[in-house]
Amino acid sequence: MKKPDIVKRIARRSGVSTGEAADRMDGAVREILANLRRRKAAPFPGLGKFTRDSEGGVAFERQREQS
């Protein structure tokens, strides 16, 4: 899925314009990147979290499903 597809879906589900949805998505990405630069985990609610690995790369840890 590409950014325009995600933005359209966000706009449709939240009842905002595509411009507002794009701004919200960009803000979320900026926040994730800022956390990673500070070596903090960046949560992605309902899915997991982004973290820095030992070599400085980015890793994604999936949220475990609760049974």
PDB file of N, CA and C in Angstrom:
ATOM      1  N   MET A   1       0.846  -1.168   0.000  1.00  0.00           N
ATOM      2  CA  MET A   1       0.000   0.000   0.000  1.00  0.00           C
ATOM      3  C   MET A   1       0.899   1.241   0.000  1.00  0.00           C
ATOM      4  N   LYS A   2       0.532   2.209  -0.778  1.00  0.00           N
ATOM      5  CA  LYS A   2       1.311   3.444  -0.890  1.00  0.00           C
ATOM      6  C   LYS A   2       0.646   4.557  -0.094  1.00  0.00           C
ATOM      7  N   LYS A   3       1.415   5.618   0.153  1.00  0.00           N
ATOM      8  CA  LYS A   3       0.931   6.721   0.984  1.00  0.00           C
ATOM      9  C   LYS A   3      -0.426   7.272   0.535  1.00  0.00           C
ATOM     10  N   PRO A   4      -0.647   7.547  -0.754  1.00  0.00           N
ATOM     11  CA  PRO A   4      -1.967   8.083  -1.134  1.00  0.00           C
ATOM     12  C   PRO A   4      -3.122   7.149  -0.760  1.00  0.00           C
ATOM     13  N   ASP A   5      -2.885   5.848  -0.836  1.00  0.00           N
ATOM     14  CA  ASP A   5      -3.927   4.885  -0.462  1.00  0.00           C
ATOM     15  C   ASP A   5      -4.212   4.949   1.030  1.00  0.00           C
ATOM     16  N   ILE A   6      -3.159   5.038   1.832  1.00  0.00           N
ATOM     17  CA  ILE A   6      -3.314   5.118   3.284  1.00  0.00           C
ATOM     18  C   ILE A   6      -4.020   6.416   3.657  1.00  0.00           C
ATOM     19  N   VAL A   7      -3.603   7.511   3.027  1.00  0.00           N
ATOM     20  CA  VAL A   7      -4.204   8.822   3.317  1.00  0.00           C
ATOM     21  C   VAL A   7      -5.698   8.805   2.987  1.00  0.00           C
ATOM     22  N   LYS A   8      -6.071   8.250   1.862  1.00  0.00           N
ATOM     23  CA  LYS A   8      -7.497   8.181   1.496  1.00  0.00           C
ATOM     24  C   LYS A   8      -8.286   7.383   2.524  1.00  0.00           C
ATOM     25  N   ARG A   9      -7.706   6.283   2.982  1.00  0.00           N
ATOM     26  CA  ARG A   9      -8.388   5.446   3.967  1.00  0.00           C
ATOM     27  C   ARG A   9      -8.547   6.183   5.298  1.00  0.00           C
ATOM     28  N   ILE A  10      -7.484   6.879   5.728  1.00  0.00           N
ATOM     29  CA  ILE A  10      -7.549   7.662   6.971  1.00  0.00           C
ATOM     30  C   ILE A  10      -8.629   8.737   6.842  1.00  0.00           C
ATOM     31  N   ALA A  11      -8.627   9.440   5.716  1.00  0.00           N
ATOM     32  CA  ALA A  11      -9.601  10.513   5.498  1.00  0.00           C
ATOM     33  C   ALA A  11     -11.027   9.976   5.537  1.00  0.00           C
ATOM     34  N   ARG A  12     -11.249   8.888   4.856  1.00  0.00           N
ATOM     35  CA  ARG A  12     -12.595   8.311   4.792  1.00  0.00           C
ATOM     36  C   ARG A  12     -13.074   7.857   6.164  1.00  0.00           C
ATOM     37  N   ARG A  13     -12.203   7.174   6.903  1.00  0.00           N
ATOM     38  CA  ARG A  13     -12.604   6.627   8.200  1.00  0.00           C
ATOM     39  C   ARG A  13     -12.735   7.674   9.293  1.00  0.00           C
ATOM     40  N   SER A  14     -11.986   8.761   9.181  1.00  0.00           N
ATOM     41  CA  SER A  14     -12.033   9.767  10.243  1.00  0.00           C
ATOM     42  C   SER A  14     -12.864  10.989   9.862  1.00  0.00           C
ATOM     43  N   GLY A  15     -13.329  11.045   8.618  1.00  0.00           N
ATOM     44  CA  GLY A  15     -14.187  12.142   8.198  1.00  0.00           C
ATOM     45  C   GLY A  15     -13.468  13.472   8.029  1.00  0.00           C
ATOM     46  N   VAL A  16     -12.181  13.424   7.663  1.00  0.00           N
ATOM     47  CA  VAL A  16     -11.423  14.652   7.418  1.00  0.00           C
ATOM     48  C   VAL A  16     -11.012  14.701   5.948  1.00  0.00           C
ATOM     49  N   SER A  17     -10.487  15.850   5.535  1.00  0.00           N
ATOM     50  CA  SER A  17     -10.030  15.972   4.150  1.00  0.00           C
ATOM     51  C   SER A  17      -8.763  15.141   3.938  1.00  0.00           C
ATOM     52  N   THR A  18      -8.454  14.882   2.676  1.00  0.00           N
ATOM     53  CA  THR A  18      -7.222  14.126   2.400  1.00  0.00           C
ATOM     54  C   THR A  18      -5.989  14.923   2.811  1.00  0.00           C
ATOM     55  N   GLY A  19      -6.061  16.252   2.724  1.00  0.00           N
ATOM     56  CA  GLY A  19      -4.946  17.082   3.167  1.00  0.00           C
ATOM     57  C   GLY A  19      -4.699  16.942   4.663  1.00  0.00           C
ATOM     58  N   GLU A  20      -5.790  16.977   5.445  1.00  0.00           N
ATOM     59  CA  GLU A  20      -5.682  16.804   6.900  1.00  0.00           C
ATOM     60  C   GLU A  20      -5.171  15.411   7.234  1.00  0.00           C
ATOM     61  N   ALA A  21      -5.658  14.396   6.528  1.00  0.00           N
ATOM     62  CA  ALA A  21      -5.203  13.028   6.761  1.00  0.00           C
ATOM     63  C   ALA A  21      -3.712  12.882   6.452  1.00  0.00           C
ATOM     64  N   ALA A  22      -3.261  13.522   5.378  1.00  0.00           N
ATOM     65  CA  ALA A  22      -1.835  13.481   5.029  1.00  0.00           C
ATOM     66  C   ALA A  22      -0.995  14.158   6.106  1.00  0.00           C
ATOM     67  N   ASP A  23      -1.490  15.283   6.638  1.00  0.00           N
ATOM     68  CA  ASP A  23      -0.783  15.968   7.724  1.00  0.00           C
ATOM     69  C   ASP A  23      -0.691  15.090   8.965  1.00  0.00           C
ATOM     70  N   ARG A  24      -1.778  14.401   9.292  1.00  0.00           N
ATOM     71  CA  ARG A  24      -1.783  13.510  10.460  1.00  0.00           C
ATOM     72  C   ARG A  24      -0.794  12.362  10.271  1.00  0.00           C
ATOM     73  N   MET A  25      -0.773  11.801   9.084  1.00  0.00           N
ATOM     74  CA  MET A  25       0.148  10.697   8.813  1.00  0.00           C
ATOM     75  C   MET A  25       1.595  11.175   8.885  1.00  0.00           C
ATOM     76  N   ASP A  26       1.872  12.330   8.292  1.00  0.00           N
ATOM     77  CA  ASP A  26       3.229  12.882   8.339  1.00  0.00           C
ATOM     78  C   ASP A  26       3.657  13.152   9.779  1.00  0.00           C
ATOM     79  N   GLY A  27       2.742  13.641  10.602  1.00  0.00           N
ATOM     80  CA  GLY A  27       3.043  13.890  12.005  1.00  0.00           C
ATOM     81  C   GLY A  27       3.385  12.616  12.748  1.00  0.00           C
ATOM     82  N   ALA A  28       2.647  11.555  12.463  1.00  0.00           N
ATOM     83  CA  ALA A  28       2.924  10.268  13.108  1.00  0.00           C
ATOM     84  C   ALA A  28       4.296   9.743  12.702  1.00  0.00           C
ATOM     85  N   VAL A  29       4.625   9.851  11.431  1.00  0.00           N
ATOM     86  CA  VAL A  29       5.934   9.392  10.946  1.00  0.00           C
ATOM     87  C   VAL A  29       7.047  10.228  11.564  1.00  0.00           C
ATOM     88  N   ARG A  30       6.857  11.555  11.651  1.00  0.00           N
ATOM     89  CA  ARG A  30       7.864  12.422  12.285  1.00  0.00           C
ATOM     90  C   ARG A  30       8.094  12.024  13.741  1.00  0.00           C
ATOM     91  N   GLU A  31       7.015  11.719  14.446  1.00  0.00           N
ATOM     92  CA  GLU A  31       7.124  11.324  15.856  1.00  0.00           C
ATOM     93  C   GLU A  31       7.873  10.001  15.994  1.00  0.00           C
ATOM     94  N   ILE A  32       7.585   9.051  15.143  1.00  0.00           N
ATOM     95  CA  ILE A  32       8.294   7.768  15.170  1.00  0.00           C
ATOM     96  C   ILE A  32       9.777   7.998  14.925  1.00  0.00           C
ATOM     97  N   LEU A  33      10.113   8.765  13.908  1.00  0.00           N
ATOM     98  CA  LEU A  33      11.522   9.020  13.592  1.00  0.00           C
ATOM     99  C   LEU A  33      12.230   9.780  14.712  1.00  0.00           C
ATOM    100  N   ALA A  34      11.541  10.746  15.321  1.00  0.00           N
ATOM    101  CA  ALA A  34      12.150  11.506  16.421  1.00  0.00           C
ATOM    102  C   ALA A  34      12.467  10.583  17.593  1.00  0.00           C
ATOM    103  N   ASN A  35      11.541   9.681  17.922  1.00  0.00           N
ATOM    104  CA  ASN A  35      11.794   8.727  19.005  1.00  0.00           C
ATOM    105  C   ASN A  35      12.975   7.826  18.678  1.00  0.00           C
ATOM    106  N   LEU A  36      13.036   7.347  17.456  1.00  0.00           N
ATOM    107  CA  LEU A  36      14.134   6.456  17.078  1.00  0.00           C
ATOM    108  C   LEU A  36      15.478   7.180  17.125  1.00  0.00           C
ATOM    109  N   ARG A  37      15.504   8.441  16.733  1.00  0.00           N
ATOM    110  CA  ARG A  37      16.746   9.217  16.801  1.00  0.00           C
ATOM    111  C   ARG A  37      17.219   9.377  18.238  1.00  0.00           C
ATOM    112  N   ARG A  38      16.271   9.442  19.177  1.00  0.00           N
ATOM    113  CA  ARG A  38      16.604   9.563  20.600  1.00  0.00           C
ATOM    114  C   ARG A  38      16.838   8.201  21.241  1.00  0.00           C
ATOM    115  N   ARG A  39      16.870   7.164  20.411  1.00  0.00           N
ATOM    116  CA  ARG A  39      17.061   5.780  20.868  1.00  0.00           C
ATOM    117  C   ARG A  39      15.928   5.302  21.766  1.00  0.00           C
ATOM    118  N   LYS A  40      14.733   5.846  21.562  1.00  0.00           N
ATOM    119  CA  LYS A  40      13.552   5.420  22.296  1.00  0.00           C
ATOM    120  C   LYS A  40      12.702   4.554  21.382  1.00  0.00           C
ATOM    121  N   ALA A  41      11.927   3.686  21.992  1.00  0.00           N
ATOM    122  CA  ALA A  41      10.982   2.881  21.221  1.00  0.00           C
ATOM    123  C   ALA A  41       9.861   3.784  20.714  1.00  0.00           C
ATOM    124  N   ALA A  42       9.348   3.470  19.557  1.00  0.00           N
ATOM    125  CA  ALA A  42       8.246   4.230  18.975  1.00  0.00           C
ATOM    126  C   ALA A  42       7.051   3.294  18.802  1.00  0.00           C
ATOM    127  N   PRO A  43       6.065   3.403  19.697  1.00  0.00           N
ATOM    128  CA  PRO A  43       4.920   2.499  19.627  1.00  0.00           C
ATOM    129  C   PRO A  43       4.041   2.769  18.409  1.00  0.00           C
ATOM    130  N   PHE A  44       3.501   1.717  17.879  1.00  0.00           N
ATOM    131  CA  PHE A  44       2.544   1.778  16.780  1.00  0.00           C
ATOM    132  C   PHE A  44       1.309   1.038  17.293  1.00  0.00           C
ATOM    133  N   PRO A  45       0.376   1.747  17.935  1.00  0.00           N
ATOM    134  CA  PRO A  45      -0.738   1.130  18.655  1.00  0.00           C
ATOM    135  C   PRO A  45      -1.459   0.045  17.868  1.00  0.00           C
ATOM    136  N   GLY A  46      -1.655  -1.064  18.540  1.00  0.00           N
ATOM    137  CA  GLY A  46      -2.364  -2.192  17.952  1.00  0.00           C
ATOM    138  C   GLY A  46      -1.513  -3.098  17.095  1.00  0.00           C
ATOM    139  N   LEU A  47      -0.291  -2.681  16.761  1.00  0.00           N
ATOM    140  CA  LEU A  47       0.566  -3.498  15.896  1.00  0.00           C
ATOM    141  C   LEU A  47       1.875  -3.899  16.559  1.00  0.00           C
ATOM    142  N   GLY A  48       2.513  -2.983  17.269  1.00  0.00           N
ATOM    143  CA  GLY A  48       3.801  -3.265  17.880  1.00  0.00           C
ATOM    144  C   GLY A  48       4.573  -1.989  18.094  1.00  0.00           C
ATOM    145  N   LYS A  49       5.915  -2.086  18.001  1.00  0.00           N
ATOM    146  CA  LYS A  49       6.720  -0.887  18.177  1.00  0.00           C
ATOM    147  C   LYS A  49       7.995  -0.971  17.345  1.00  0.00           C
ATOM    148  N   PHE A  50       8.470   0.195  16.956  1.00  0.00           N
ATOM    149  CA  PHE A  50       9.735   0.320  16.258  1.00  0.00           C
ATOM    150  C   PHE A  50      10.815   0.552  17.305  1.00  0.00           C
ATOM    151  N   THR A  51      11.966  -0.096  17.127  1.00  0.00           N
ATOM    152  CA  THR A  51      13.097   0.098  18.026  1.00  0.00           C
ATOM    153  C   THR A  51      14.375   0.169  17.201  1.00  0.00           C
ATOM    154  N   ARG A  52      15.445   0.629  17.826  1.00  0.00           N
ATOM    155  CA  ARG A  52      16.764   0.612  17.189  1.00  0.00           C
ATOM    156  C   ARG A  52      17.434  -0.697  17.559  1.00  0.00           C
ATOM    157  N   ASP A  53      18.061  -1.358  16.592  1.00  0.00           N
ATOM    158  CA  ASP A  53      18.781  -2.585  16.915  1.00  0.00           C
ATOM    159  C   ASP A  53      20.210  -2.247  17.332  1.00  0.00           C
ATOM    160  N   SER A  54      20.970  -3.253  17.683  1.00  0.00           N
ATOM    161  CA  SER A  54      22.319  -3.043  18.208  1.00  0.00           C
ATOM    162  C   SER A  54      23.271  -2.418  17.188  1.00  0.00           C
ATOM    163  N   GLU A  55      22.947  -2.530  15.905  1.00  0.00           N
ATOM    164  CA  GLU A  55      23.806  -1.976  14.859  1.00  0.00           C
ATOM    165  C   GLU A  55      23.338  -0.598  14.383  1.00  0.00           C
ATOM    166  N   GLY A  56      22.330  -0.049  15.032  1.00  0.00           N
ATOM    167  CA  GLY A  56      21.829   1.273  14.666  1.00  0.00           C
ATOM    168  C   GLY A  56      20.701   1.252  13.653  1.00  0.00           C
ATOM    169  N   GLY A  57      20.315   0.073  13.200  1.00  0.00           N
ATOM    170  CA  GLY A  57      19.206  -0.040  12.260  1.00  0.00           C
ATOM    171  C   GLY A  57      17.873  -0.005  12.985  1.00  0.00           C
ATOM    172  N   VAL A  58      16.817  -0.094  12.242  1.00  0.00           N
ATOM    173  CA  VAL A  58      15.475  -0.067  12.809  1.00  0.00           C
ATOM    174  C   VAL A  58      14.884  -1.467  12.757  1.00  0.00           C
ATOM    175  N   ALA A  59      14.262  -1.856  13.863  1.00  0.00           N
ATOM    176  CA  ALA A  59      13.595  -3.150  13.946  1.00  0.00           C
ATOM    177  C   ALA A  59      12.146  -2.912  14.346  1.00  0.00           C
ATOM    178  N   PHE A  60      11.279  -3.828  13.963  1.00  0.00           N
ATOM    179  CA  PHE A  60       9.874  -3.744  14.356  1.00  0.00           C
ATOM    180  C   PHE A  60       9.546  -4.966  15.188  1.00  0.00           C
ATOM    181  N   GLU A  61       9.038  -4.736  16.393  1.00  0.00           N
ATOM    182  CA  GLU A  61       8.624  -5.829  17.275  1.00  0.00           C
ATOM    183  C   GLU A  61       7.112  -5.884  17.264  1.00  0.00           C
ATOM    184  N   ARG A  62       6.601  -7.003  16.796  1.00  0.00           N
ATOM    185  CA  ARG A  62       5.139  -7.162  16.751  1.00  0.00           C
ATOM    186  C   ARG A  62       4.550  -7.301  18.132  1.00  0.00           C
ATOM    187  N   GLN A  63       3.368  -6.743  18.279  1.00  0.00           N
ATOM    188  CA  GLN A  63       2.635  -6.877  19.519  1.00  0.00           C
ATOM    189  C   GLN A  63       2.098  -8.295  19.585  1.00  0.00           C
ATOM    190  N   ARG A  64       2.274  -8.929  20.709  1.00  0.00           N
ATOM    191  CA  ARG A  64       1.763 -10.293  20.852  1.00  0.00           C
ATOM    192  C   ARG A  64       0.262 -10.260  21.023  1.00  0.00           C
ATOM    193  N   GLU A  65      -0.383 -11.217  20.386  1.00  0.00           N
ATOM    194  CA  GLU A  65      -1.841 -11.295  20.499  1.00  0.00           C
ATOM    195  C   GLU A  65      -2.190 -11.864  21.852  1.00  0.00           C
ATOM    196  N   GLN A  66      -3.169 -11.246  22.479  1.00  0.00           N
ATOM    197  CA  GLN A  66      -3.619 -11.737  23.780  1.00  0.00           C
ATOM    198  C   GLN A  66      -4.721 -12.747  23.557  1.00  0.00           C
ATOM    199  N   SER A  67      -4.632 -13.870  24.274  1.00  0.00           N
ATOM    200  CA  SER A  67      -5.657 -14.898  24.109  1.00  0.00           C
ATOM    201  C   SER A  67      -6.613 -14.957  25.252  1.00  0.00           C
TER     202      SER A  67
END
